[in-house]
C-alpha cells in the first residue's frame, strides 16, 4: 500500500480502483478521464472529515467550463504518485503560448518551483488550459523567514515587470503551506493549509521548526 500522498501530489489509480465521484453525474466524465491514463490531484480534507479515503480532484479545461470534479478513492487503489511538475520542465513544453516564454524563463530564475493548475494540466494532458489571461500556479520550498521575504519581493517585482499574475504557496518546513500573497501582506496570522485541514496560525511561528527534517515527496524530491 502506498504512503498517504501530500496535497497537490499527482496520483494515478489502478484500473480496478473503487473511486466514487462527489457528484454522481460526473462519473462518466471521470471514467473517460482515467481511461486516458491521466492523473488526479490530491485535495485537502476537512479536519473533521470522518471518511478515510483520499480526496482527489480532476480540473477540466476551460472548454468544459473549468469544472473541478471531486472524488474519493481508497488509499490502496493508488498505484503511482509524484510531486507536481517542476517549472523548469513545464516552461519548455512546446504547447505553451509563445507570449509566456520570456516571463516563464525569468520566473524560473527566481527560485526552483513546482507547478500546479492550468500550466501543469496542459502539459500532463495536451488539452488546452492556458490562455492569454491565465495565471500560473506555483509551489516554492522555503526554509526560513528571510528566504520567504526575499522570494515574495522577487515575485512581486516579476509581476510588475511582466504584467502577469502568480498564484501559489510557500511550502513550509513542516509540510504546511501558506499563500505567498497572504504571507507578503504582513498580517499577524495567516491561513496554513495541510492535507487534513487548514487553520489560522501566527506568522511568527511558521518557521519555528527549522532544523527538523523536511518531509519528502515519495519519489525522493523534497517539498
Protein backbone atom coordinates (compact mmCIF):
# COMPACT_ATOMS: atom_id res chain seq x y z
CA UNK A 1 0.00 0.00 0.00
CA UNK A 2 1.39 3.46 -0.86
CA UNK A 3 2.02 6.17 1.72
CA UNK A 4 -0.71 8.76 2.03
CA UNK A 5 0.12 11.43 -0.56
CA UNK A 6 0.62 15.12 0.13
CA UNK A 7 -1.57 17.99 -1.09
CA UNK A 8 -1.01 18.79 -4.75
CA UNK A 9 0.56 15.36 -5.40
CA UNK A 10 -0.37 13.78 -8.72
CA UNK A 11 -1.79 10.27 -8.39
CA UNK A 12 -2.65 7.52 -10.82
CA UNK A 13 -5.30 4.93 -9.99
CA UNK A 14 -5.44 1.21 -10.67
CA UNK A 15 -7.72 0.06 -13.46
CA UNK A 16 -9.96 -1.55 -10.82
CA UNK A 17 -9.94 1.43 -8.45
CA UNK A 18 -13.09 1.77 -6.36
CA UNK A 19 -13.44 5.54 -6.73
CA UNK A 20 -16.63 7.48 -6.11
CA UNK A 21 -17.41 10.89 -7.57
CA UNK A 22 -18.69 13.54 -5.18
CA UNK A 23 -21.45 14.18 -7.74
CA UNK A 24 -22.83 11.04 -9.38
CA UNK A 25 -23.44 12.87 -12.67
CA UNK A 26 -19.65 13.25 -13.04
CA UNK A 27 -18.98 9.51 -13.04
CA UNK A 28 -18.91 9.16 -16.85
CA UNK A 29 -16.55 12.10 -17.36
CA UNK A 30 -14.19 10.85 -14.67
CA UNK A 31 -14.22 7.34 -16.13
CA UNK A 32 -13.28 8.77 -19.55
CA UNK A 33 -10.53 10.86 -17.93
CA UNK A 34 -8.92 7.91 -16.18
CA UNK A 35 -9.27 5.79 -19.32
CA UNK A 36 -6.82 8.24 -20.94
CA UNK A 37 -4.24 7.35 -18.29
CA UNK A 38 -4.33 10.84 -16.77
CA UNK A 39 -3.80 11.53 -13.06
CA UNK A 40 -5.88 13.27 -10.42
CA UNK A 41 -4.55 15.70 -7.83
CA UNK A 42 -4.70 15.25 -4.07
CA UNK A 43 -7.07 17.71 -2.41
CA UNK A 44 -7.31 18.95 1.16
CA UNK A 45 -9.69 17.18 3.52
CA UNK A 46 -11.71 18.94 6.21
CA UNK A 47 -10.18 18.43 9.64
CA UNK A 48 -13.38 16.77 10.92
CA UNK A 49 -13.95 14.60 7.83
CA UNK A 50 -14.58 11.03 9.04
CA UNK A 51 -14.09 9.47 5.58
CA UNK A 52 -10.67 7.75 5.48
CA UNK A 53 -10.49 7.70 1.69
CA UNK A 54 -8.17 10.07 -0.17
CA UNK A 55 -9.83 13.19 -1.59
CA UNK A 56 -8.89 13.89 -5.20
CA UNK A 57 -9.73 16.46 -7.84
CA UNK A 58 -9.80 16.49 -11.63
CA UNK A 59 -9.86 20.04 -13.07
CA UNK A 60 -11.45 20.22 -16.51
CA UNK A 61 -10.22 22.70 -19.16
CA UNK A 62 -11.99 25.98 -19.99
CA UNK A 63 -13.74 24.32 -22.96
CA UNK A 64 -15.59 22.18 -20.42
CA UNK A 65 -16.42 25.02 -18.08
CA UNK A 66 -13.31 24.84 -15.85
CA UNK A 67 -15.18 22.49 -13.51
CA UNK A 68 -13.26 20.73 -10.77
CA UNK A 69 -14.61 17.22 -10.36
CA UNK A 70 -14.16 15.78 -6.90
CA UNK A 71 -13.87 12.12 -5.98
CA UNK A 72 -12.66 9.83 -3.23
CA UNK A 73 -10.63 6.65 -3.50
CA UNK A 74 -9.20 4.10 -1.07
CA UNK A 75 -5.50 4.65 -0.48
CA UNK A 76 -4.68 1.16 -1.71
CA UNK A 77 -6.12 1.91 -5.16
CA UNK A 78 -3.41 4.50 -5.83
CA UNK A 79 -0.70 2.78 -7.87
CA UNK A 80 1.60 5.73 -8.51
CA UNK A 81 2.15 9.18 -7.10
CA UNK A 82 4.57 12.01 -7.78
CA UNK A 83 5.23 15.62 -6.87
CA UNK A 84 3.85 18.41 -9.07
CA UNK A 85 5.84 19.10 -12.23
CA UNK A 86 8.92 21.30 -12.00
CA UNK A 87 8.72 24.77 -13.55
CA UNK A 88 11.98 24.07 -15.37
CA UNK A 89 10.23 21.18 -17.13
CA UNK A 90 6.91 22.90 -17.76
CA UNK A 91 8.27 26.13 -19.24
CA UNK A 92 9.96 24.40 -22.18
CA UNK A 93 6.87 22.45 -23.19
CA UNK A 94 6.15 23.20 -26.87
CA UNK A 95 2.40 23.53 -26.39
CA UNK A 96 2.53 26.66 -24.22
CA UNK A 97 1.90 30.14 -25.68
CA UNK A 98 4.98 31.83 -27.11
CA UNK A 99 3.98 35.05 -25.32
CA UNK A 100 4.72 33.36 -22.00
CA UNK A 101 8.24 32.17 -22.78
CA UNK A 102 10.29 35.13 -21.54
CA UNK A 103 8.14 35.53 -18.44
CA UNK A 104 8.44 31.85 -17.51
CA UNK A 105 12.20 31.85 -18.04
CA UNK A 106 12.56 34.86 -15.73
CA UNK A 107 10.28 33.28 -13.15
CA UNK A 108 12.30 30.07 -13.22
CA UNK A 109 15.45 32.04 -12.44
CA UNK A 110 13.98 33.39 -9.20
CA UNK A 111 13.89 30.05 -7.37
CA UNK A 112 13.10 26.39 -8.05
CA UNK A 113 9.34 25.92 -8.17
CA UNK A 114 6.71 23.30 -8.87
CA UNK A 115 3.65 23.93 -10.99
CA UNK A 116 0.01 23.09 -10.44
CA UNK A 117 -3.08 24.47 -12.11
CA UNK A 118 -3.60 25.25 -15.80
CA UNK A 119 0.03 25.10 -16.94
CA UNK A 120 0.59 21.72 -15.34
CA UNK A 121 -2.61 20.21 -16.68
CA UNK A 122 -1.91 21.35 -20.22
CA UNK A 123 1.46 19.60 -20.11
CA UNK A 124 0.00 16.47 -18.49
CA UNK A 125 -2.97 16.03 -20.82
CA UNK A 126 -2.33 18.02 -24.01
CA UNK A 127 -5.73 19.70 -23.55
CA UNK A 128 -5.98 23.49 -23.86
CA UNK A 129 -5.92 25.03 -20.38
CA UNK A 130 -3.64 28.08 -20.80
CA UNK A 131 -4.87 31.27 -22.45
CA UNK A 132 -3.61 34.83 -22.75
CA UNK A 133 -5.03 35.90 -19.37
CA UNK A 134 -4.03 32.79 -17.43
CA UNK A 135 -2.34 32.93 -14.06
CA UNK A 136 0.41 30.49 -13.21
CA UNK A 137 0.17 28.44 -10.00
CA UNK A 138 3.43 27.65 -8.21
CA UNK A 139 4.78 25.99 -5.07
CA UNK A 140 8.08 27.05 -3.53
CA UNK A 141 10.02 25.43 -0.69
CA UNK A 142 11.08 27.96 1.92
CA UNK A 143 13.15 27.14 4.99
CA UNK A 144 13.41 30.48 6.82
CA UNK A 145 11.51 33.74 7.17
CA UNK A 146 14.27 35.72 5.36
CA UNK A 147 14.07 33.25 2.47
CA UNK A 148 10.30 33.72 2.30
CA UNK A 149 10.56 37.51 2.47
CA UNK A 150 13.14 37.63 -0.33
CA UNK A 151 11.09 35.31 -2.56
CA UNK A 152 7.90 37.31 -2.05
CA UNK A 153 9.70 40.53 -3.00
CA UNK A 154 11.16 38.90 -6.12
CA UNK A 155 7.78 37.55 -7.26
CA UNK A 156 6.14 40.93 -6.70
CA UNK A 157 8.82 42.52 -8.89
CA UNK A 158 8.26 39.84 -11.55
CA UNK A 159 4.53 40.61 -11.65
CA UNK A 160 5.22 44.31 -12.14
CA UNK A 161 7.75 43.65 -14.88
CA UNK A 162 5.67 41.21 -16.93
CA UNK A 163 2.13 42.29 -16.08
CA UNK A 164 1.17 38.72 -15.24
CA UNK A 165 -0.08 37.11 -12.06
CA UNK A 166 1.34 34.29 -9.95
CA UNK A 167 -0.91 32.35 -7.61
CA UNK A 168 0.64 29.80 -5.32
CA UNK A 169 2.01 28.80 -1.99
CA UNK A 170 5.11 28.80 0.14
CA UNK A 171 5.74 25.24 1.34
CA UNK A 172 6.86 25.34 4.97
CA UNK A 173 9.42 23.05 6.65
CA UNK A 174 6.71 21.06 8.48
CA UNK A 175 4.70 20.34 5.31
CA UNK A 176 2.11 23.09 5.70
CA UNK A 177 1.67 25.77 3.05
CA UNK A 178 0.68 29.44 3.05
CA UNK A 179 -0.46 31.59 0.15
CA UNK A 180 2.53 33.69 -0.90
CA UNK A 181 0.47 36.83 -1.38
CA UNK A 182 -1.18 36.50 2.02
CA UNK A 183 2.23 35.95 3.62
CA UNK A 184 3.52 39.06 1.86
CA UNK A 185 0.69 41.10 3.30
CA UNK A 186 2.35 41.08 6.70
CA UNK A 187 -0.71 40.15 8.76
CA UNK A 188 -0.13 38.70 12.23
CA UNK A 189 -1.96 35.48 11.33
CA UNK A 190 -2.08 33.59 8.04
CA UNK A 191 -4.10 30.63 6.81
CA UNK A 192 -1.95 27.49 6.71
CA UNK A 193 -3.21 24.59 4.61
CA UNK A 194 -2.42 20.94 5.25
CA UNK A 195 -3.71 17.74 3.69
CA UNK A 196 -6.00 17.17 6.68
CA UNK A 197 -7.35 20.69 7.09
CA UNK A 198 -6.50 24.37 7.36
CA UNK A 199 -6.38 26.99 10.06
CA UNK A 200 -5.01 30.36 11.09
CA UNK A 201 -1.52 30.33 12.57
CA UNK A 202 0.79 33.05 13.83
CA UNK A 203 3.21 34.05 11.09
CA UNK A 204 5.91 34.32 13.77
CA UNK A 205 5.58 30.55 14.35
CA UNK A 206 5.71 29.41 10.72
CA UNK A 207 9.44 28.69 10.74
CA UNK A 208 9.76 27.57 14.33
CA UNK A 209 10.64 24.03 13.24
CA UNK A 210 13.69 25.00 11.15
CA UNK A 211 16.31 22.34 11.63
CA UNK A 212 13.82 19.47 11.58
CA UNK A 213 13.92 17.23 8.50
CA UNK A 214 11.56 18.38 5.76
CA UNK A 215 9.05 15.80 4.62
CA UNK A 216 9.79 14.48 1.16
CA UNK A 217 7.78 13.61 -1.89
CA UNK A 218 7.71 9.86 -2.01
CA UNK A 219 9.96 9.60 -5.04
CA UNK A 220 12.69 11.45 -3.19
CA UNK A 221 12.34 15.12 -4.05
CA UNK A 222 11.86 17.48 -1.12
CA UNK A 223 8.77 19.61 -0.91
